Amino acid sequence: MLLLLVSLFIPVSANLQLVTPKESDVVKDFRVHHTDFPVEIPKDLQPAKPLSGSEMFVIDIPESWFIEKNSSKDPDLIDLSVSKDEFDSIFIKNANGHYVSRQTQANDKIVTLRIPNWGINH
């Protein structure tokens, strides 16, 4: 029985090849570029209804915190990641239903983010 396993293993392992991509085949920078709408837009196409305030999270962020937390190197993209615990420790809901930073100073510039809540209850 041991002899049979060895004879099956050797031919399979003998045919292994290491494949290394050529430097020219490696994509190093990929950006999505703007694509124009089709030339002809259907005449009966109705604009989307804007989301109501109750369907949005409104978050007022101090500009300094926003700059510190934005990990995107592309000036056209925003990449903010924050855990729920960190968010809850920094932001509080005000009387208008906006989330505001507990660290906001009187002279701070504010960045306002409006994000669909997709049915998430916070």
C-alpha atoms as a PDB file:
ATOM      1  CA  MET A   1       0.000   0.000   0.000  1.00  0.00           C
ATOM      2  CA  LEU A   2       2.839   2.404   0.799  1.00  0.00           C
ATOM      3  CA  LEU A   3       4.495   1.649  -2.512  1.00  0.00           C
ATOM      4  CA  LEU A   4       1.329   2.617  -4.401  1.00  0.00           C
ATOM      5  CA  LEU A   5       1.127   6.025  -2.681  1.00  0.00           C
ATOM      6  CA  VAL A   6       4.757   6.792  -3.448  1.00  0.00           C
ATOM      7  CA  SER A   7       4.359   5.875  -7.094  1.00  0.00           C
ATOM      8  CA  LEU A   8       1.302   8.198  -7.398  1.00  0.00           C
ATOM      9  CA  PHE A   9       2.977  11.087  -5.590  1.00  0.00           C
ATOM     10  CA  ILE A  10       6.204  11.200  -7.570  1.00  0.00           C
ATOM     11  CA  PRO A  11       4.722  11.782 -11.063  1.00  0.00           C
ATOM     12  CA  VAL A  12       2.429  14.562  -9.772  1.00  0.00           C
ATOM     13  CA  SER A  13       5.199  16.406  -7.935  1.00  0.00           C
ATOM     14  CA  ALA A  14       7.613  15.950 -10.832  1.00  0.00           C
ATOM     15  CA  ASN A  15       5.345  18.038 -13.095  1.00  0.00           C
ATOM     16  CA  LEU A  16       5.087  21.109 -10.837  1.00  0.00           C
ATOM     17  CA  GLN A  17       6.177  24.374 -12.415  1.00  0.00           C
ATOM     18  CA  LEU A  18       6.800  27.733 -10.821  1.00  0.00           C
ATOM     19  CA  VAL A  19       5.108  30.497 -12.825  1.00  0.00           C
ATOM     20  CA  THR A  20       6.406  34.027 -12.277  1.00  0.00           C
ATOM     21  CA  PRO A  21       4.638  36.941 -14.010  1.00  0.00           C
ATOM     22  CA  LYS A  22       6.716  39.174 -16.243  1.00  0.00           C
ATOM     23  CA  GLU A  23       7.260  42.692 -14.896  1.00  0.00           C
ATOM     24  CA  SER A  24       5.424  44.077 -17.937  1.00  0.00           C
ATOM     25  CA  ASP A  25       2.301  42.034 -17.053  1.00  0.00           C
ATOM     26  CA  VAL A  26       1.922  43.431 -13.522  1.00  0.00           C
ATOM     27  CA  VAL A  27      -0.616  46.252 -13.135  1.00  0.00           C
ATOM     28  CA  LYS A  28       0.816  48.769 -10.677  1.00  0.00           C
ATOM     29  CA  ASP A  29      -1.702  51.623 -10.899  1.00  0.00           C
ATOM     30  CA  PHE A  30      -5.323  51.207 -11.826  1.00  0.00           C
ATOM     31  CA  ARG A  31      -7.784  54.073 -11.837  1.00  0.00           C
ATOM     32  CA  VAL A  32     -11.377  54.148 -12.887  1.00  0.00           C
ATOM     33  CA  HIS A  33     -11.884  56.919 -15.379  1.00  0.00           C
ATOM     34  CA  HIS A  34     -15.057  58.864 -16.032  1.00  0.00           C
ATOM     35  CA  THR A  35     -17.295  57.245 -18.597  1.00  0.00           C
ATOM     36  CA  ASP A  36     -19.722  59.413 -20.527  1.00  0.00           C
ATOM     37  CA  PHE A  37     -23.402  58.563 -20.509  1.00  0.00           C
ATOM     38  CA  PRO A  38     -24.831  57.120 -23.696  1.00  0.00           C
ATOM     39  CA  VAL A  39     -25.473  59.751 -26.338  1.00  0.00           C
ATOM     40  CA  GLU A  40     -29.203  59.096 -26.236  1.00  0.00           C
ATOM     41  CA  ILE A  41     -31.008  59.190 -22.874  1.00  0.00           C
ATOM     42  CA  PRO A  42     -34.562  57.803 -22.913  1.00  0.00           C
ATOM     43  CA  LYS A  43     -37.114  60.645 -22.885  1.00  0.00           C
ATOM     44  CA  ASP A  44     -39.309  58.913 -20.280  1.00  0.00           C
ATOM     45  CA  LEU A  45     -36.443  58.476 -17.804  1.00  0.00           C
ATOM     46  CA  GLN A  46     -37.356  60.190 -14.544  1.00  0.00           C
ATOM     47  CA  PRO A  47     -34.712  61.633 -12.204  1.00  0.00           C
ATOM     48  CA  ALA A  48     -34.128  59.718  -8.988  1.00  0.00           C
ATOM     49  CA  LYS A  49     -35.984  61.022  -5.958  1.00  0.00           C
ATOM     50  CA  PRO A  50     -33.521  62.573  -3.476  1.00  0.00           C
ATOM     51  CA  LEU A  51     -33.219  60.766  -0.172  1.00  0.00           C
ATOM     52  CA  SER A  52     -34.979  62.409   2.734  1.00  0.00           C
ATOM     53  CA  GLY A  53     -33.112  63.544   5.832  1.00  0.00           C
ATOM     54  CA  SER A  54     -34.337  60.484   7.748  1.00  0.00           C
ATOM     55  CA  GLU A  55     -32.652  58.252   5.148  1.00  0.00           C
ATOM     56  CA  MET A  56     -29.250  59.910   5.612  1.00  0.00           C
ATOM     57  CA  PHE A  57     -26.531  60.020   8.227  1.00  0.00           C
ATOM     58  CA  VAL A  58     -25.210  63.565   8.486  1.00  0.00           C
ATOM     59  CA  ILE A  59     -21.784  63.685  10.109  1.00  0.00           C
ATOM     60  CA  ASP A  60     -20.018  66.976  10.860  1.00  0.00           C
ATOM     61  CA  ILE A  61     -16.305  66.272  11.132  1.00  0.00           C
ATOM     62  CA  PRO A  62     -13.509  68.669  12.125  1.00  0.00           C
ATOM     63  CA  GLU A  63     -11.345  69.187   9.024  1.00  0.00           C
ATOM     64  CA  SER A  64      -8.179  68.284  10.952  1.00  0.00           C
ATOM     65  CA  TRP A  65      -9.636  64.888  11.980  1.00  0.00           C
ATOM     66  CA  PHE A  66     -10.849  64.286   8.409  1.00  0.00           C
ATOM     67  CA  ILE A  67      -7.357  64.983   6.983  1.00  0.00           C
ATOM     68  CA  GLU A  68      -5.718  62.771   9.617  1.00  0.00           C
ATOM     69  CA  LYS A  69      -8.074  59.813   9.024  1.00  0.00           C
ATOM     70  CA  ASN A  70      -8.284  60.011   5.204  1.00  0.00           C
ATOM     71  CA  SER A  71      -5.841  57.317   4.117  1.00  0.00           C
ATOM     72  CA  SER A  72      -6.323  57.891   0.364  1.00  0.00           C
ATOM     73  CA  LYS A  73      -3.311  59.239  -1.491  1.00  0.00           C
ATOM     74  CA  ASP A  74      -5.532  60.083  -4.484  1.00  0.00           C
ATOM     75  CA  PRO A  75      -6.968  63.607  -4.128  1.00  0.00           C
ATOM     76  CA  ASP A  76     -10.143  62.474  -5.948  1.00  0.00           C
ATOM     77  CA  LEU A  77     -10.930  59.729  -3.409  1.00  0.00           C
ATOM     78  CA  ILE A  78     -11.848  59.693   0.274  1.00  0.00           C
ATOM     79  CA  ASP A  79     -10.970  56.621   2.343  1.00  0.00           C
ATOM     80  CA  LEU A  80     -12.131  56.870   5.948  1.00  0.00           C
ATOM     81  CA  SER A  81     -12.192  53.841   8.212  1.00  0.00           C
ATOM     82  CA  VAL A  82     -13.211  54.028  11.830  1.00  0.00           C
ATOM     83  CA  SER A  83     -14.497  51.347  14.169  1.00  0.00           C
ATOM     84  CA  LYS A  84     -17.935  51.698  15.745  1.00  0.00           C
ATOM     85  CA  ASP A  85     -16.337  52.028  19.185  1.00  0.00           C
ATOM     86  CA  GLU A  86     -14.052  54.846  17.972  1.00  0.00           C
ATOM     87  CA  PHE A  87     -16.956  56.560  16.183  1.00  0.00           C
ATOM     88  CA  ASP A  88     -19.126  56.352  19.333  1.00  0.00           C
ATOM     89  CA  SER A  89     -16.306  57.748  21.474  1.00  0.00           C
ATOM     90  CA  ILE A  90     -15.746  60.742  19.156  1.00  0.00           C
ATOM     91  CA  PHE A  91     -19.218  61.614  17.806  1.00  0.00           C
ATOM     92  CA  ILE A  92     -22.513  62.384  19.477  1.00  0.00           C
ATOM     93  CA  LYS A  93     -25.927  63.042  17.908  1.00  0.00           C
ATOM     94  CA  ASN A  94     -27.061  66.655  18.358  1.00  0.00           C
ATOM     95  CA  ALA A  95     -30.607  68.069  18.498  1.00  0.00           C
ATOM     96  CA  ASN A  96     -30.759  68.268  14.669  1.00  0.00           C
ATOM     97  CA  GLY A  97     -29.924  64.561  14.366  1.00  0.00           C
ATOM     98  CA  HIS A  98     -26.437  65.306  13.005  1.00  0.00           C
ATOM     99  CA  TYR A  99     -23.445  63.473  14.387  1.00  0.00           C
ATOM    100  CA  VAL A 100     -20.919  66.023  15.643  1.00  0.00           C
ATOM    101  CA  SER A 101     -17.455  65.571  17.059  1.00  0.00           C
ATOM    102  CA  ARG A 102     -17.030  65.955  20.802  1.00  0.00           C
ATOM    103  CA  GLN A 103     -13.590  67.445  19.957  1.00  0.00           C
ATOM    104  CA  THR A 104     -14.809  70.310  17.739  1.00  0.00           C
ATOM    105  CA  GLN A 105     -13.385  73.692  18.703  1.00  0.00           C
ATOM    106  CA  ALA A 106     -15.086  77.030  17.935  1.00  0.00           C
ATOM    107  CA  ASN A 107     -12.605  77.942  15.169  1.00  0.00           C
ATOM    108  CA  ASP A 108     -12.490  74.465  13.516  1.00  0.00           C
ATOM    109  CA  LYS A 109     -13.451  74.140   9.865  1.00  0.00           C
ATOM    110  CA  ILE A 110     -16.111  71.462   9.453  1.00  0.00           C
ATOM    111  CA  VAL A 111     -16.496  68.829   6.733  1.00  0.00           C
ATOM    112  CA  THR A 112     -20.076  67.567   6.417  1.00  0.00           C
ATOM    113  CA  LEU A 113     -20.645  64.040   5.120  1.00  0.00           C
ATOM    114  CA  ARG A 114     -24.124  62.943   4.037  1.00  0.00           C
ATOM    115  CA  ILE A 115     -24.240  59.162   3.774  1.00  0.00           C
ATOM    116  CA  PRO A 116     -27.284  56.970   2.990  1.00  0.00           C
ATOM    117  CA  ASN A 117     -28.104  54.930   6.074  1.00  0.00           C
ATOM    118  CA  TRP A 118     -29.400  51.880   4.123  1.00  0.00           C
ATOM    119  CA  GLY A 119     -31.689  51.018   7.001  1.00  0.00           C
ATOM    120  CA  ILE A 120     -28.896  50.937   9.580  1.00  0.00           C
ATOM    121  CA  ASN A 121     -29.988  52.012  13.051  1.00  0.00           C
ATOM    122  CA  HIS A 122     -27.235  53.642  15.022  1.00  0.00           C
END
